[in-house]
Amino acid sequence: TSERTGKTSHPIPTCATGALLPEENLREEIRNIVKKNKNIQRNTNGNLSWISKIQVNQPAVLRRAQQIQARRTVKKEWQAAWLLKAVTFIDLTTLSGDDTSSNVQRLCYKAKYPIREDLLKALNMHDKGITTAAVCVYPARVCDAVKALKAAGCSLPVASVATGFPAGQTHLKTRLEEIRLAVEDGATEIDVVINRTLVLTGQWEALYDEIRQFRKACGEAHLKTILATGELGSLTNVYKASMIAMMAGQRFLGCKTVTQVAE
């Protein structure tokens, strides 16, 4: 089932031969991560002193990343099947200064029909209800997205960025109110950015407290914490910030804002 909606997620795409994609290993890894997250919260009990002792072996991490990149990728029908599955994980997003209700409406239509019908028929996937995972907009456009999806007869979740996205350089009260307003307007997921200053200056307890407050302000809405890893200075800081977020109850981490160039 989908954690966002509580409903059955998209059926697992099949290749042309009809075989199921081998994703049970991935699901097992996710279950292990969730279990580890719960153990972290239980065992630390708010004690953050050990965070300062964390070190990351950057050369080893880079070597491992290179090994992963060098692996052979799946081809032909298996590649098509995995790409289809990837589409169902996308938060289709518009975060532009010139966003209007009309382009949000177009975004929602694209989220409901992300792939051309003729391509889906060629893959024998036209009756599988392939959509994106959600649409993501600025808080001021949440109402537009909710209205457009309702008009389209679509129950896709609406995600909203918040907390002074993308920089996070606004007062905490303002960031919390932005979360609450987005939820009131119908957002079912809130994508927050952390205050990178707290990471760069080692204020781990303050970061923990802020994320806890973000979680509380979301109420029943899901919370995603975006770390903006390209602005954290080091892999050690990335690791520490990730651990702090998990200790604060976070189960959904993002690496970068859409405004950051991929590294």
C-alpha atoms as a PDB file:
ATOM      1  CA  THR A   1       0.000   0.000   0.000  1.00  0.00           C
ATOM      2  CA  SER A   2       1.016   3.606  -0.512  1.00  0.00           C
ATOM      3  CA  GLU A   3       2.139   5.436   2.650  1.00  0.00           C
ATOM      4  CA  ARG A   4       0.844   8.681   1.143  1.00  0.00           C
ATOM      5  CA  THR A   5      -2.691   7.590   0.334  1.00  0.00           C
ATOM      6  CA  GLY A   6      -3.271   4.439   2.358  1.00  0.00           C
ATOM      7  CA  LYS A   7      -4.553   2.841  -0.860  1.00  0.00           C
ATOM      8  CA  THR A   8      -3.122   0.101  -3.031  1.00  0.00           C
ATOM      9  CA  SER A   9      -0.253   1.499  -5.085  1.00  0.00           C
ATOM     10  CA  HIS A  10       0.247   1.060  -8.817  1.00  0.00           C
ATOM     11  CA  PRO A  11       0.496  -2.548  -9.955  1.00  0.00           C
ATOM     12  CA  ILE A  12       4.070  -3.668 -10.498  1.00  0.00           C
ATOM     13  CA  PRO A  13       4.896  -3.123 -14.191  1.00  0.00           C
ATOM     14  CA  THR A  14       5.644  -6.233 -16.176  1.00  0.00           C
ATOM     15  CA  CYS A  15       8.001  -6.690 -19.074  1.00  0.00           C
ATOM     16  CA  ALA A  16       6.780  -7.816 -22.488  1.00  0.00           C
ATOM     17  CA  THR A  17       7.039 -11.452 -21.401  1.00  0.00           C
ATOM     18  CA  GLY A  18       4.684 -10.795 -18.511  1.00  0.00           C
ATOM     19  CA  ALA A  19       7.249 -11.509 -15.790  1.00  0.00           C
ATOM     20  CA  LEU A  20       7.097  -9.451 -12.631  1.00  0.00           C
ATOM     21  CA  LEU A  21       9.899  -7.030 -11.920  1.00  0.00           C
ATOM     22  CA  PRO A  22      12.262  -8.304  -9.202  1.00  0.00           C
ATOM     23  CA  GLU A  23      11.594  -5.539  -6.672  1.00  0.00           C
ATOM     24  CA  GLU A  24      11.136  -7.616  -3.516  1.00  0.00           C
ATOM     25  CA  ASN A  25      14.773  -6.978  -2.603  1.00  0.00           C
ATOM     26  CA  LEU A  26      14.126  -3.237  -2.771  1.00  0.00           C
ATOM     27  CA  ARG A  27      11.069  -3.570  -0.570  1.00  0.00           C
ATOM     28  CA  GLU A  28      13.064  -5.562   1.974  1.00  0.00           C
ATOM     29  CA  GLU A  29      15.728  -2.848   2.059  1.00  0.00           C
ATOM     30  CA  ILE A  30      13.050  -0.219   2.677  1.00  0.00           C
ATOM     31  CA  ARG A  31      11.568  -2.275   5.515  1.00  0.00           C
ATOM     32  CA  ASN A  32      15.019  -2.583   7.081  1.00  0.00           C
ATOM     33  CA  ILE A  33      15.560   1.179   6.841  1.00  0.00           C
ATOM     34  CA  VAL A  34      12.212   1.877   8.516  1.00  0.00           C
ATOM     35  CA  LYS A  35      13.050  -0.616  11.274  1.00  0.00           C
ATOM     36  CA  LYS A  36      16.465   0.972  11.776  1.00  0.00           C
ATOM     37  CA  ASN A  37      14.834   4.410  11.928  1.00  0.00           C
ATOM     38  CA  LYS A  38      12.510   3.282  14.724  1.00  0.00           C
ATOM     39  CA  ASN A  39      15.422   1.742  16.623  1.00  0.00           C
ATOM     40  CA  ILE A  40      17.396   4.983  16.317  1.00  0.00           C
ATOM     41  CA  GLN A  41      14.530   6.982  17.844  1.00  0.00           C
ATOM     42  CA  ARG A  42      14.028   4.432  20.626  1.00  0.00           C
ATOM     43  CA  ASN A  43      17.677   3.955  21.595  1.00  0.00           C
ATOM     44  CA  THR A  44      18.898   7.566  21.464  1.00  0.00           C
ATOM     45  CA  ASN A  45      15.961   8.946  23.469  1.00  0.00           C
ATOM     46  CA  GLY A  46      16.840  12.517  22.480  1.00  0.00           C
ATOM     47  CA  ASN A  47      20.551  12.189  23.350  1.00  0.00           C
ATOM     48  CA  LEU A  48      22.470  13.866  20.513  1.00  0.00           C
ATOM     49  CA  SER A  49      25.965  13.866  22.004  1.00  0.00           C
ATOM     50  CA  TRP A  50      27.108  10.958  19.850  1.00  0.00           C
ATOM     51  CA  ILE A  51      26.419  12.938  16.664  1.00  0.00           C
ATOM     52  CA  SER A  52      29.702  14.836  17.097  1.00  0.00           C
ATOM     53  CA  LYS A  53      31.617  11.549  16.876  1.00  0.00           C
ATOM     54  CA  ILE A  54      30.347  10.649  13.407  1.00  0.00           C
ATOM     55  CA  GLN A  55      32.938  10.582  10.634  1.00  0.00           C
ATOM     56  CA  VAL A  56      32.535   9.642   6.968  1.00  0.00           C
ATOM     57  CA  ASN A  57      35.306   8.091   4.867  1.00  0.00           C
ATOM     58  CA  GLN A  58      34.808  10.215   1.749  1.00  0.00           C
ATOM     59  CA  PRO A  59      37.293   8.368  -0.540  1.00  0.00           C
ATOM     60  CA  ALA A  60      35.551   5.077   0.278  1.00  0.00           C
ATOM     61  CA  VAL A  61      32.132   6.596  -0.406  1.00  0.00           C
ATOM     62  CA  LEU A  62      33.285   7.966  -3.764  1.00  0.00           C
ATOM     63  CA  ARG A  63      34.763   4.597  -4.757  1.00  0.00           C
ATOM     64  CA  ARG A  64      31.494   2.901  -3.893  1.00  0.00           C
ATOM     65  CA  ALA A  65      29.537   5.458  -5.914  1.00  0.00           C
ATOM     66  CA  GLN A  66      31.777   4.837  -8.921  1.00  0.00           C
ATOM     67  CA  GLN A  67      31.209   1.093  -8.618  1.00  0.00           C
ATOM     68  CA  ILE A  68      27.459   1.599  -8.640  1.00  0.00           C
ATOM     69  CA  GLN A  69      27.648   3.877 -11.686  1.00  0.00           C
ATOM     70  CA  ALA A  70      29.760   1.320 -13.549  1.00  0.00           C
ATOM     71  CA  ARG A  71      27.211  -1.459 -13.174  1.00  0.00           C
ATOM     72  CA  ARG A  72      25.420  -2.682 -16.246  1.00  0.00           C
ATOM     73  CA  THR A  73      21.903  -1.379 -16.646  1.00  0.00           C
ATOM     74  CA  VAL A  74      18.879  -3.403 -17.660  1.00  0.00           C
ATOM     75  CA  LYS A  75      17.986  -3.322 -21.339  1.00  0.00           C
ATOM     76  CA  LYS A  76      15.060  -3.715 -23.722  1.00  0.00           C
ATOM     77  CA  GLU A  77      11.728  -4.705 -22.157  1.00  0.00           C
ATOM     78  CA  TRP A  78      13.188  -4.754 -18.654  1.00  0.00           C
ATOM     79  CA  GLN A  79      14.389  -1.199 -19.073  1.00  0.00           C
ATOM     80  CA  ALA A  80      10.941  -0.127 -20.259  1.00  0.00           C
ATOM     81  CA  ALA A  81       9.352  -1.811 -17.255  1.00  0.00           C
ATOM     82  CA  TRP A  82      11.669  -0.087 -14.776  1.00  0.00           C
ATOM     83  CA  LEU A  83      11.156   3.272 -16.469  1.00  0.00           C
ATOM     84  CA  LEU A  84       7.409   2.830 -16.156  1.00  0.00           C
ATOM     85  CA  LYS A  85       7.818   2.070 -12.480  1.00  0.00           C
ATOM     86  CA  ALA A  86      10.011   5.150 -12.081  1.00  0.00           C
ATOM     87  CA  VAL A  87       7.225   7.332 -13.499  1.00  0.00           C
ATOM     88  CA  THR A  88       4.952   6.198 -10.670  1.00  0.00           C
ATOM     89  CA  PHE A  89       7.476   7.541  -8.128  1.00  0.00           C
ATOM     90  CA  ILE A  90       7.678  11.052  -9.605  1.00  0.00           C
ATOM     91  CA  ASP A  91       6.339  14.152  -7.882  1.00  0.00           C
ATOM     92  CA  LEU A  92       5.439  16.144 -10.990  1.00  0.00           C
ATOM     93  CA  THR A  93       6.479  19.648 -10.024  1.00  0.00           C
ATOM     94  CA  THR A  94       6.129  23.274 -10.985  1.00  0.00           C
ATOM     95  CA  LEU A  95       7.964  25.793  -8.814  1.00  0.00           C
ATOM     96  CA  SER A  96       8.247  28.894 -10.963  1.00  0.00           C
ATOM     97  CA  GLY A  97       7.685  32.530 -10.185  1.00  0.00           C
ATOM     98  CA  ASP A  98       5.238  32.765 -13.085  1.00  0.00           C
ATOM     99  CA  ASP A  99       3.051  29.822 -12.009  1.00  0.00           C
ATOM    100  CA  THR A 100      -0.661  30.393 -12.579  1.00  0.00           C
ATOM    101  CA  SER A 101      -3.799  28.326 -12.106  1.00  0.00           C
ATOM    102  CA  SER A 102      -3.769  27.395 -15.801  1.00  0.00           C
ATOM    103  CA  ASN A 103      -0.303  25.850 -15.851  1.00  0.00           C
ATOM    104  CA  VAL A 104      -1.026  24.067 -12.565  1.00  0.00           C
ATOM    105  CA  GLN A 105      -4.103  22.627 -14.263  1.00  0.00           C
ATOM    106  CA  ARG A 106      -1.945  21.402 -17.165  1.00  0.00           C
ATOM    107  CA  LEU A 107       0.499  19.903 -14.676  1.00  0.00           C
ATOM    108  CA  CYS A 108      -2.297  17.955 -12.997  1.00  0.00           C
ATOM    109  CA  TYR A 109      -3.516  16.619 -16.339  1.00  0.00           C
ATOM    110  CA  LYS A 110       0.015  15.491 -17.161  1.00  0.00           C
ATOM    111  CA  ALA A 111       0.277  13.799 -13.760  1.00  0.00           C
ATOM    112  CA  LYS A 112      -2.872  11.801 -14.482  1.00  0.00           C
ATOM    113  CA  TYR A 113      -1.718  10.924 -18.010  1.00  0.00           C
ATOM    114  CA  PRO A 114       2.095  10.993 -17.891  1.00  0.00           C
ATOM    115  CA  ILE A 115       2.673   8.677 -20.860  1.00  0.00           C
ATOM    116  CA  ARG A 116       1.094   8.707 -24.304  1.00  0.00           C
ATOM    117  CA  GLU A 117      -1.710   6.203 -24.762  1.00  0.00           C
ATOM    118  CA  ASP A 118      -0.143   4.643 -27.865  1.00  0.00           C
ATOM    119  CA  LEU A 119       3.081   3.904 -25.980  1.00  0.00           C
ATOM    120  CA  LEU A 120       1.177   2.303 -23.118  1.00  0.00           C
ATOM    121  CA  LYS A 121      -0.782   0.139 -25.553  1.00  0.00           C
ATOM    122  CA  ALA A 122       2.436  -0.964 -27.235  1.00  0.00           C
ATOM    123  CA  LEU A 123       3.683  -2.086 -23.819  1.00  0.00           C
ATOM    124  CA  ASN A 124       0.326  -3.642 -22.902  1.00  0.00           C
ATOM    125  CA  MET A 125       0.117  -1.285 -19.922  1.00  0.00           C
ATOM    126  CA  HIS A 126      -2.763   0.941 -21.063  1.00  0.00           C
ATOM    127  CA  ASP A 127      -5.171  -0.480 -18.473  1.00  0.00           C
ATOM    128  CA  LYS A 128      -2.843  -0.326 -15.447  1.00  0.00           C
ATOM    129  CA  GLY A 129      -3.687   3.217 -14.328  1.00  0.00           C
ATOM    130  CA  ILE A 130      -0.141   4.552 -14.606  1.00  0.00           C
ATOM    131  CA  THR A 131       0.100   8.016 -13.026  1.00  0.00           C
ATOM    132  CA  THR A 132       2.781   9.972 -11.242  1.00  0.00           C
ATOM    133  CA  ALA A 133       2.975   9.702  -7.454  1.00  0.00           C
ATOM    134  CA  ALA A 134       1.834  13.281  -6.775  1.00  0.00           C
ATOM    135  CA  VAL A 135       1.943  16.856  -7.978  1.00  0.00           C
ATOM    136  CA  CYS A 136       4.077  19.408  -6.152  1.00  0.00           C
ATOM    137  CA  VAL A 137       3.524  23.170  -6.104  1.00  0.00           C
ATOM    138  CA  TYR A 138       4.164  26.275  -4.047  1.00  0.00           C
ATOM    139  CA  PRO A 139       1.809  26.860  -1.080  1.00  0.00           C
ATOM    140  CA  ALA A 140      -0.081  29.595  -2.921  1.00  0.00           C
ATOM    141  CA  ARG A 141      -0.950  27.137  -5.713  1.00  0.00           C
ATOM    142  CA  VAL A 142      -2.186  24.259  -3.530  1.00  0.00           C
ATOM    143  CA  CYS A 143      -5.842  25.250  -3.936  1.00  0.00           C
ATOM    144  CA  ASP A 144      -5.397  25.339  -7.720  1.00  0.00           C
ATOM    145  CA  ALA A 145      -3.924  21.832  -7.727  1.00  0.00           C
ATOM    146  CA  VAL A 146      -6.614  20.394  -5.461  1.00  0.00           C
ATOM    147  CA  LYS A 147      -9.336  21.922  -7.628  1.00  0.00           C
ATOM    148  CA  ALA A 148      -7.780  20.727 -10.894  1.00  0.00           C
ATOM    149  CA  LEU A 149      -7.326  17.156  -9.695  1.00  0.00           C
ATOM    150  CA  LYS A 150     -10.872  17.027  -8.355  1.00  0.00           C
ATOM    151  CA  ALA A 151     -12.211  18.279 -11.685  1.00  0.00           C
ATOM    152  CA  ALA A 152     -10.203  15.565 -13.447  1.00  0.00           C
ATOM    153  CA  GLY A 153     -11.649  12.894 -11.172  1.00  0.00           C
ATOM    154  CA  CYS A 154      -8.178  12.100  -9.890  1.00  0.00           C
ATOM    155  CA  SER A 155      -7.205  11.351  -6.291  1.00  0.00           C
ATOM    156  CA  LEU A 156      -3.477  12.017  -6.618  1.00  0.00           C
ATOM    157  CA  PRO A 157      -1.859  13.593  -3.539  1.00  0.00           C
ATOM    158  CA  VAL A 158      -0.921  17.268  -3.625  1.00  0.00           C
ATOM    159  CA  ALA A 159       2.493  18.092  -2.204  1.00  0.00           C
ATOM    160  CA  SER A 160       3.558  21.585  -1.246  1.00  0.00           C
ATOM    161  CA  VAL A 161       7.010  22.949  -0.578  1.00  0.00           C
ATOM    162  CA  ALA A 162       7.247  25.057   2.559  1.00  0.00           C
ATOM    163  CA  THR A 163       9.533  26.553   5.219  1.00  0.00           C
ATOM    164  CA  GLY A 164      10.886  29.271   2.970  1.00  0.00           C
ATOM    165  CA  PHE A 165      11.744  26.926   0.118  1.00  0.00           C
ATOM    166  CA  PRO A 166      14.351  26.698  -1.320  1.00  0.00           C
ATOM    167  CA  ALA A 167      16.684  28.658   0.996  1.00  0.00           C
ATOM    168  CA  GLY A 168      14.894  28.149   4.322  1.00  0.00           C
ATOM    169  CA  GLN A 169      16.080  31.575   5.461  1.00  0.00           C
ATOM    170  CA  THR A 170      12.897  32.843   7.097  1.00  0.00           C
ATOM    171  CA  HIS A 171      11.815  33.060  10.723  1.00  0.00           C
ATOM    172  CA  LEU A 172      10.736  29.777  12.305  1.00  0.00           C
ATOM    173  CA  LYS A 173       7.242  31.103  13.083  1.00  0.00           C
ATOM    174  CA  THR A 174       6.812  32.010   9.423  1.00  0.00           C
ATOM    175  CA  ARG A 175       7.962  28.578   8.290  1.00  0.00           C
ATOM    176  CA  LEU A 176       5.587  26.799  10.659  1.00  0.00           C
ATOM    177  CA  GLU A 177       2.644  28.945   9.599  1.00  0.00           C
ATOM    178  CA  GLU A 178       3.428  28.223   5.947  1.00  0.00           C
ATOM    179  CA  ILE A 179       3.133  24.502   6.679  1.00  0.00           C
ATOM    180  CA  ARG A 180      -0.185  24.913   8.469  1.00  0.00           C
ATOM    181  CA  LEU A 181      -1.696  27.045   5.704  1.00  0.00           C
ATOM    182  CA  ALA A 182      -0.669  24.575   2.993  1.00  0.00           C
ATOM    183  CA  VAL A 183      -2.280  21.720   4.922  1.00  0.00           C
ATOM    184  CA  GLU A 184      -5.455  23.764   5.427  1.00  0.00           C
ATOM    185  CA  ASP A 185      -5.605  24.342   1.660  1.00  0.00           C
ATOM    186  CA  GLY A 186      -5.490  20.607   0.980  1.00  0.00           C
ATOM    187  CA  ALA A 187      -1.847  19.578   0.750  1.00  0.00           C
ATOM    188  CA  THR A 188      -1.348  15.993   1.911  1.00  0.00           C
ATOM    189  CA  GLU A 189       2.440  16.125   1.790  1.00  0.00           C
ATOM    190  CA  ILE A 190       4.736  18.926   2.911  1.00  0.00           C
ATOM    191  CA  ASP A 191       8.269  19.172   1.522  1.00  0.00           C
ATOM    192  CA  VAL A 192      10.352  21.204   3.952  1.00  0.00           C
ATOM    193  CA  VAL A 193      13.928  22.401   3.618  1.00  0.00           C
ATOM    194  CA  ILE A 194      16.204  22.433   6.621  1.00  0.00           C
ATOM    195  CA  ASN A 195      18.019  25.505   7.862  1.00  0.00           C
ATOM    196  CA  ARG A 196      21.482  24.789   6.457  1.00  0.00           C
ATOM    197  CA  THR A 197      23.033  27.305   8.868  1.00  0.00           C
ATOM    198  CA  LEU A 198      22.255  24.951  11.747  1.00  0.00           C
ATOM    199  CA  VAL A 199      24.188  22.166  10.036  1.00  0.00           C
ATOM    200  CA  LEU A 200      27.179  24.286   9.041  1.00  0.00           C
ATOM    201  CA  THR A 201      27.521  25.628  12.590  1.00  0.00           C
ATOM    202  CA  GLY A 202      26.911  22.292  14.311  1.00  0.00           C
ATOM    203  CA  GLN A 203      23.664  23.274  16.052  1.00  0.00           C
ATOM    204  CA  TRP A 204      22.276  19.747  16.012  1.00  0.00           C
ATOM    205  CA  GLU A 205      19.801  20.118  18.870  1.00  0.00           C
ATOM    206  CA  ALA A 206      18.286  23.193  17.216  1.00  0.00           C
ATOM    207  CA  LEU A 207      17.954  21.278  13.937  1.00  0.00           C
ATOM    208  CA  TYR A 208      16.312  18.378  15.762  1.00  0.00           C
ATOM    209  CA  ASP A 209      13.840  20.726  17.482  1.00  0.00           C
ATOM    210  CA  GLU A 210      12.919  22.459  14.217  1.00  0.00           C
ATOM    211  CA  ILE A 211      12.192  19.215  12.384  1.00  0.00           C
ATOM    212  CA  ARG A 212      10.079  18.020  15.320  1.00  0.00           C
ATOM    213  CA  GLN A 213       8.065  21.233  15.095  1.00  0.00           C
ATOM    214  CA  PHE A 214       7.682  20.787  11.324  1.00  0.00           C
ATOM    215  CA  ARG A 215       6.345  17.284  11.942  1.00  0.00           C
ATOM    216  CA  LYS A 216       3.816  18.561  14.491  1.00  0.00           C
ATOM    217  CA  ALA A 217       2.649  21.390  12.205  1.00  0.00           C
ATOM    218  CA  CYS A 218       1.946  18.878   9.413  1.00  0.00           C
ATOM    219  CA  GLY A 219      -0.694  17.076  11.434  1.00  0.00           C
ATOM    220  CA  GLU A 220      -1.927  14.156   9.319  1.00  0.00           C
ATOM    221  CA  ALA A 221      -0.010  15.292   6.231  1.00  0.00           C
ATOM    222  CA  HIS A 222       3.171  13.448   5.308  1.00  0.00           C
ATOM    223  CA  LEU A 223       6.457  15.249   5.807  1.00  0.00           C
ATOM    224  CA  LYS A 224       9.467  15.097   3.506  1.00  0.00           C
ATOM    225  CA  THR A 225      12.685  16.733   4.708  1.00  0.00           C
ATOM    226  CA  ILE A 226      14.963  18.084   1.986  1.00  0.00           C
ATOM    227  CA  LEU A 227      18.569  18.286   3.148  1.00  0.00           C
ATOM    228  CA  ALA A 228      19.987  20.345   0.245  1.00  0.00           C
ATOM    229  CA  THR A 229      23.145  18.242   0.423  1.00  0.00           C
ATOM    230  CA  GLY A 230      25.088  20.447  -1.977  1.00  0.00           C
ATOM    231  CA  GLU A 231      25.052  23.210   0.653  1.00  0.00           C
ATOM    232  CA  LEU A 232      26.046  21.169   3.710  1.00  0.00           C
ATOM    233  CA  GLY A 233      29.792  21.383   3.192  1.00  0.00           C
ATOM    234  CA  SER A 234      30.798  17.736   3.627  1.00  0.00           C
ATOM    235  CA  LEU A 235      29.543  14.167   3.483  1.00  0.00           C
ATOM    236  CA  THR A 236      29.970  13.995   7.248  1.00  0.00           C
ATOM    237  CA  ASN A 237      27.474  16.833   7.630  1.00  0.00           C
ATOM    238  CA  VAL A 238      25.122  15.074   5.208  1.00  0.00           C
ATOM    239  CA  TYR A 239      25.292  11.928   7.343  1.00  0.00           C
ATOM    240  CA  LYS A 240      24.763  13.854  10.581  1.00  0.00           C
ATOM    241  CA  ALA A 241      21.827  15.837   9.206  1.00  0.00           C
ATOM    242  CA  SER A 242      20.241  12.616   7.922  1.00  0.00           C
ATOM    243  CA  MET A 243      20.559  10.976  11.331  1.00  0.00           C
ATOM    244  CA  ILE A 244      19.128  14.026  13.095  1.00  0.00           C
ATOM    245  CA  ALA A 245      16.138  14.016  10.734  1.00  0.00           C
ATOM    246  CA  MET A 246      15.471  10.330  11.374  1.00  0.00           C
ATOM    247  CA  MET A 247      15.794  10.820  15.118  1.00  0.00           C
ATOM    248  CA  ALA A 248      13.212  13.600  14.833  1.00  0.00           C
ATOM    249  CA  GLY A 249      10.755  11.127  13.315  1.00  0.00           C
ATOM    250  CA  GLN A 250      11.452  11.641   9.626  1.00  0.00           C
ATOM    251  CA  ARG A 251      11.044   8.672   7.277  1.00  0.00           C
ATOM    252  CA  PHE A 252      11.271  10.475   3.940  1.00  0.00           C
ATOM    253  CA  LEU A 253      14.462  12.362   3.055  1.00  0.00           C
ATOM    254  CA  GLY A 254      15.263  14.360  -0.076  1.00  0.00           C
ATOM    255  CA  CYS A 255      18.783  15.242  -1.180  1.00  0.00           C
ATOM    256  CA  LYS A 256      18.368  18.422  -3.207  1.00  0.00           C
ATOM    257  CA  THR A 257      15.931  21.163  -4.052  1.00  0.00           C
ATOM    258  CA  VAL A 258      14.888  21.418  -7.684  1.00  0.00           C
ATOM    259  CA  THR A 259      16.852  24.674  -7.876  1.00  0.00           C
ATOM    260  CA  GLN A 260      20.182  22.955  -7.154  1.00  0.00           C
ATOM    261  CA  VAL A 261      22.389  21.657  -9.944  1.00  0.00           C
ATOM    262  CA  ALA A 262      23.025  17.923  -9.707  1.00  0.00           C
ATOM    263  CA  GLU A 263      26.530  17.016  -8.624  1.00  0.00           C
END
